[in-house]
């Protein structure tokens, strides 16, 4: 006999806003940008959020911002290149948001191999270890939500971003595999795929992009970052956080193994 949907019966009221009371969420890269917005959104929904980052000061600032919310934010200083520690940190997690990332814009022939290795470690191998650490608890209780913050670059490539594009494409495959394995256990796994988000990571790219493309910095946003987007603006971190929240909601219990694309029409080409 197949399990029944957890949604209310037809004709009954819609569920109340997202309630994660009693749930533990882990968000990586939580000290700023998308990670900070996700941590605050999940804490506002009542979750106890393990905020993971190597930026201790940023985590303390996040914890202050979260005061008064329904849930709580617990700073957890961690460098995700310590893969064993990352896996241990995920134990007992109900909601896992793999968000941490880094970027370097260089042609392949000039791309430092050590940086390529670090990008793949933080953005692909660490998510694997975090998922591995979280699944026993999720499987044991028959419920779990894995949200992998991918990118439009998980679906499309751009020049000069070999490590980032490779990591995000790999994350898409990892997410789908986790969805297939997790489905019998009540665990969903999805990606959210924003285009350029107004974050420090994106702002730091502007000079590198200007050099790589041979144009002034003031032309990078309009001519490079927004070139393929029909909606000509950057996305706000809070918009991405709402997509993450949706994937944790009762109405998203049938959404798994897919990519929720927030690219302003980029992939419509």
Protein backbone atom coordinates (compact mmCIF):
# COMPACT_ATOMS: atom_id res chain seq x y z
CA UNK A 1 0.00 0.00 0.00
CA UNK A 2 1.48 3.34 -1.04
CA UNK A 3 1.81 6.15 1.52
CA UNK A 4 -0.85 8.84 1.46
CA UNK A 5 -0.10 12.50 0.84
CA UNK A 6 0.49 14.62 3.92
CA UNK A 7 -1.62 17.45 2.47
CA UNK A 8 -5.04 18.21 3.97
CA UNK A 9 -8.12 16.57 2.52
CA UNK A 10 -9.85 18.30 -0.38
CA UNK A 11 -11.93 21.23 0.80
CA UNK A 12 -10.05 21.66 4.08
CA UNK A 13 -8.08 24.85 4.83
CA UNK A 14 -4.64 25.32 3.32
CA UNK A 15 -1.70 24.72 5.66
CA UNK A 16 -0.51 27.60 7.79
CA UNK A 17 2.81 29.28 6.87
CA UNK A 18 5.90 27.09 7.03
CA UNK A 19 6.31 25.68 10.53
CA UNK A 20 9.65 24.05 11.31
CA UNK A 21 9.21 24.10 15.07
CA UNK A 22 11.11 21.20 16.60
CA UNK A 23 13.23 20.74 13.47
CA UNK A 24 16.98 21.22 13.20
CA UNK A 25 18.34 22.82 10.04
CA UNK A 26 21.94 23.12 8.94
CA UNK A 27 22.95 25.86 6.51
CA UNK A 28 26.49 26.10 5.13
CA UNK A 29 28.03 29.39 4.09
CA UNK A 30 25.64 31.00 6.56
CA UNK A 31 27.66 34.08 7.49
CA UNK A 32 26.52 36.11 4.50
CA UNK A 33 24.59 36.30 1.25
CA UNK A 34 22.22 33.47 0.38
CA UNK A 35 23.27 31.42 3.41
CA UNK A 36 22.45 34.20 5.84
CA UNK A 37 19.07 34.77 4.22
CA UNK A 38 18.29 31.03 4.37
CA UNK A 39 19.34 30.76 8.02
CA UNK A 40 17.11 33.69 8.99
CA UNK A 41 14.17 32.37 6.94
CA UNK A 42 14.34 28.90 8.49
CA UNK A 43 14.77 30.34 11.99
CA UNK A 44 11.74 32.56 11.38
CA UNK A 45 9.82 29.34 10.61
CA UNK A 46 10.81 27.97 14.01
CA UNK A 47 13.83 25.84 13.17
CA UNK A 48 16.93 25.56 15.29
CA UNK A 49 19.55 26.48 12.70
CA UNK A 50 23.13 25.28 12.82
CA UNK A 51 24.82 28.10 10.96
CA UNK A 52 28.06 26.78 9.48
CA UNK A 53 30.82 29.02 8.14
CA UNK A 54 34.50 29.70 8.69
CA UNK A 55 33.72 33.40 9.30
CA UNK A 56 33.23 33.57 13.09
CA UNK A 57 32.45 37.30 13.16
CA UNK A 58 29.85 36.93 10.42
CA UNK A 59 28.18 34.09 12.30
CA UNK A 60 27.99 36.16 15.49
CA UNK A 61 26.36 38.98 13.54
CA UNK A 62 23.88 36.50 12.10
CA UNK A 63 23.01 35.20 15.57
CA UNK A 64 22.28 38.78 16.67
CA UNK A 65 20.01 39.32 13.67
CA UNK A 66 18.11 36.15 14.56
CA UNK A 67 17.26 37.21 18.09
CA UNK A 68 13.51 37.39 18.54
CA UNK A 69 12.69 34.95 15.75
CA UNK A 70 10.57 31.87 16.41
CA UNK A 71 13.59 29.63 16.14
CA UNK A 72 17.25 30.12 16.94
CA UNK A 73 20.61 30.34 15.19
CA UNK A 74 23.57 28.47 16.64
CA UNK A 75 26.92 29.58 15.15
CA UNK A 76 29.17 26.69 14.16
CA UNK A 77 32.62 27.74 12.93
CA UNK A 78 33.84 25.15 10.45
CA UNK A 79 36.07 25.01 7.40
CA UNK A 80 34.34 22.63 4.99
CA UNK A 81 37.66 21.37 3.67
CA UNK A 82 37.70 19.39 6.93
CA UNK A 83 35.42 16.75 5.45
CA UNK A 84 35.26 14.48 8.49
CA UNK A 85 34.15 17.41 10.67
CA UNK A 86 31.56 18.40 8.07
CA UNK A 87 30.00 14.94 8.12
CA UNK A 88 29.88 14.92 11.92
CA UNK A 89 28.27 18.38 11.97
CA UNK A 90 25.33 17.11 9.91
CA UNK A 91 24.29 14.38 12.37
CA UNK A 92 20.74 14.84 13.63
CA UNK A 93 19.81 17.31 10.90
CA UNK A 94 16.24 17.45 9.60
CA UNK A 95 16.82 20.11 6.93
CA UNK A 96 20.16 20.43 5.15
CA UNK A 97 20.95 23.44 2.97
CA UNK A 98 24.21 23.04 1.06
CA UNK A 99 25.02 26.61 0.14
CA UNK A 100 28.71 27.35 0.73
CA UNK A 101 30.66 28.31 -2.34
CA UNK A 102 33.63 30.16 -3.74
CA UNK A 103 34.56 31.47 -7.15
CA UNK A 104 37.59 32.30 -9.25
CA UNK A 105 37.32 33.60 -12.80
CA UNK A 106 40.27 32.49 -14.96
CA UNK A 107 40.85 30.76 -18.31
CA UNK A 108 41.44 27.03 -17.91
CA UNK A 109 45.11 27.28 -18.92
CA UNK A 110 45.65 29.86 -16.16
CA UNK A 111 43.43 28.29 -13.51
CA UNK A 112 45.46 27.27 -10.42
CA UNK A 113 45.05 23.51 -9.84
CA UNK A 114 45.04 23.96 -6.07
CA UNK A 115 42.09 26.38 -6.32
CA UNK A 116 40.25 23.98 -8.63
CA UNK A 117 40.73 21.26 -6.00
CA UNK A 118 39.49 23.52 -3.18
CA UNK A 119 36.39 24.58 -5.12
CA UNK A 120 35.45 20.96 -5.83
CA UNK A 121 36.12 20.02 -2.20
CA UNK A 122 33.93 22.76 -0.71
CA UNK A 123 31.17 22.74 -3.31
CA UNK A 124 30.82 19.05 -4.18
CA UNK A 125 32.68 16.72 -1.84
CA UNK A 126 31.59 18.56 1.32
CA UNK A 127 27.88 18.43 0.29
CA UNK A 128 28.29 14.68 -0.25
CA UNK A 129 29.75 14.29 3.23
CA UNK A 130 27.07 16.50 4.80
CA UNK A 131 24.31 14.52 3.11
CA UNK A 132 26.00 11.31 4.21
CA UNK A 133 26.05 12.57 7.79
CA UNK A 134 22.43 13.75 7.75
CA UNK A 135 20.71 10.78 6.11
CA UNK A 136 20.75 8.26 9.00
CA UNK A 137 18.67 10.60 11.16
CA UNK A 138 16.38 11.58 8.28
CA UNK A 139 15.83 7.95 7.31
CA UNK A 140 15.22 6.96 10.91
CA UNK A 141 12.38 9.42 11.33
CA UNK A 142 10.97 9.06 7.80
CA UNK A 143 11.32 12.75 6.94
CA UNK A 144 14.04 15.02 5.66
CA UNK A 145 14.67 17.90 3.31
CA UNK A 146 17.91 18.40 1.37
CA UNK A 147 18.22 21.64 -0.57
CA UNK A 148 21.34 22.19 -2.62
CA UNK A 149 21.98 25.78 -3.65
CA UNK A 150 23.18 25.23 -7.17
CA UNK A 151 23.17 27.90 -9.86
CA UNK A 152 22.16 28.57 -13.41
CA UNK A 153 25.73 27.36 -13.90
CA UNK A 154 24.56 23.93 -12.80
CA UNK A 155 22.53 23.91 -16.03
CA UNK A 156 24.57 26.14 -18.35
CA UNK A 157 28.29 26.80 -18.67
CA UNK A 158 30.11 30.12 -18.85
CA UNK A 159 33.65 30.71 -19.95
CA UNK A 160 36.43 31.20 -17.37
CA UNK A 161 34.55 29.36 -14.56
CA UNK A 162 35.74 25.79 -14.99
CA UNK A 163 35.84 24.86 -11.30
CA UNK A 164 32.53 26.51 -10.37
CA UNK A 165 30.67 25.07 -13.36
CA UNK A 166 32.13 21.61 -12.79
CA UNK A 167 31.17 21.69 -9.10
CA UNK A 168 27.62 22.87 -9.76
CA UNK A 169 27.05 20.30 -12.50
CA UNK A 170 28.28 17.63 -10.10
CA UNK A 171 26.01 18.93 -7.35
CA UNK A 172 23.02 18.53 -9.67
CA UNK A 173 23.84 14.85 -10.13
CA UNK A 174 24.46 14.30 -6.43
CA UNK A 175 21.12 15.93 -5.61
CA UNK A 176 19.22 13.70 -8.05
CA UNK A 177 20.89 10.57 -6.69
CA UNK A 178 19.98 11.56 -3.12
CA UNK A 179 16.39 12.10 -4.27
CA UNK A 180 16.14 8.61 -5.75
CA UNK A 181 17.66 6.95 -2.70
CA UNK A 182 15.75 9.09 -0.21
CA UNK A 183 12.26 8.77 -1.68
CA UNK A 184 11.35 5.50 0.11
CA UNK A 185 12.37 7.15 3.39
CA UNK A 186 10.38 10.39 3.13
CA UNK A 187 13.44 12.45 2.17
CA UNK A 188 13.39 14.90 -0.72
CA UNK A 189 16.45 16.40 -2.42
CA UNK A 190 16.35 19.33 -4.80
CA UNK A 191 18.45 22.13 -6.20
CA UNK A 192 17.63 25.80 -6.39
CA UNK A 193 19.28 27.50 -9.33
CA UNK A 194 19.60 31.27 -9.17
CA UNK A 195 21.36 33.43 -11.71
CA UNK A 196 23.52 36.22 -10.29
CA UNK A 197 22.50 37.08 -6.73
CA UNK A 198 23.33 40.33 -4.96
CA UNK A 199 25.97 38.83 -2.64
CA UNK A 200 29.62 39.53 -1.73
CA UNK A 201 30.62 36.50 -3.84
CA UNK A 202 29.15 38.12 -6.95
CA UNK A 203 30.48 41.58 -6.13
CA UNK A 204 34.01 40.16 -5.84
CA UNK A 205 33.73 38.70 -9.34
CA UNK A 206 33.32 42.03 -11.08
CA UNK A 207 37.02 42.91 -11.27
CA UNK A 208 37.95 39.39 -12.39
CA UNK A 209 35.21 39.41 -15.03
CA UNK A 210 36.40 42.80 -16.31
CA UNK A 211 39.92 41.46 -16.73
CA UNK A 212 38.82 38.18 -18.32
CA UNK A 213 36.54 39.90 -20.83
CA UNK A 214 38.68 42.99 -21.38
CA UNK A 215 35.99 45.52 -20.48
CA UNK A 216 35.62 48.16 -17.74
CA UNK A 217 34.14 47.04 -14.41
CA UNK A 218 31.05 49.24 -14.84
CA UNK A 219 30.07 47.23 -17.92
CA UNK A 220 30.38 43.79 -16.30
CA UNK A 221 26.90 43.63 -14.74
CA UNK A 222 24.98 44.71 -17.84
CA UNK A 223 27.13 43.07 -20.53
CA UNK A 224 28.26 39.86 -18.81
CA UNK A 225 26.20 39.01 -15.75
CA UNK A 226 22.81 40.04 -17.14
CA UNK A 227 23.49 39.38 -20.81
CA UNK A 228 21.45 36.15 -20.97
CA UNK A 229 18.80 37.10 -18.43
CA UNK A 230 15.46 38.40 -19.69
CA UNK A 231 14.85 40.05 -16.31
CA UNK A 232 17.58 42.67 -16.11
CA UNK A 233 18.42 42.75 -12.43
CA UNK A 234 20.29 40.77 -9.82
CA UNK A 235 18.30 38.43 -7.57
CA UNK A 236 18.06 39.26 -3.88
CA UNK A 237 19.22 36.62 -1.36
CA UNK A 238 15.80 36.69 0.29
CA UNK A 239 14.18 35.53 -2.95
CA UNK A 240 16.41 32.46 -3.00
CA UNK A 241 15.65 31.82 0.68
CA UNK A 242 11.90 31.77 -0.08
CA UNK A 243 12.50 29.10 -2.72
CA UNK A 244 14.43 27.07 -0.15
CA UNK A 245 11.57 27.51 2.34
CA UNK A 246 9.04 26.34 -0.25
CA UNK A 247 10.97 23.11 -0.76
CA UNK A 248 10.66 22.45 2.99
CA UNK A 249 6.90 23.05 3.01
CA UNK A 250 4.10 20.44 2.95
CA UNK A 251 3.08 21.49 -0.56
CA UNK A 252 6.53 20.51 -1.85
CA UNK A 253 6.47 16.94 -0.54
CA UNK A 254 6.08 15.61 -4.11
CA UNK A 255 8.91 17.80 -5.45
CA UNK A 256 12.15 15.83 -5.51
CA UNK A 257 15.07 15.25 -7.81
CA UNK A 258 14.58 18.46 -9.70
CA UNK A 259 15.95 21.98 -10.05
CA UNK A 260 13.92 25.07 -9.09
CA UNK A 261 15.28 27.62 -11.53
CA UNK A 262 15.42 31.32 -10.56
CA UNK A 263 17.29 32.64 -13.56
CA UNK A 264 15.16 35.48 -14.93
CA UNK A 265 14.66 33.59 -18.18
CA UNK A 266 18.32 32.72 -18.81
CA UNK A 267 17.63 29.06 -19.67
CA UNK A 268 14.61 29.99 -21.79
CA UNK A 269 17.00 30.68 -24.69
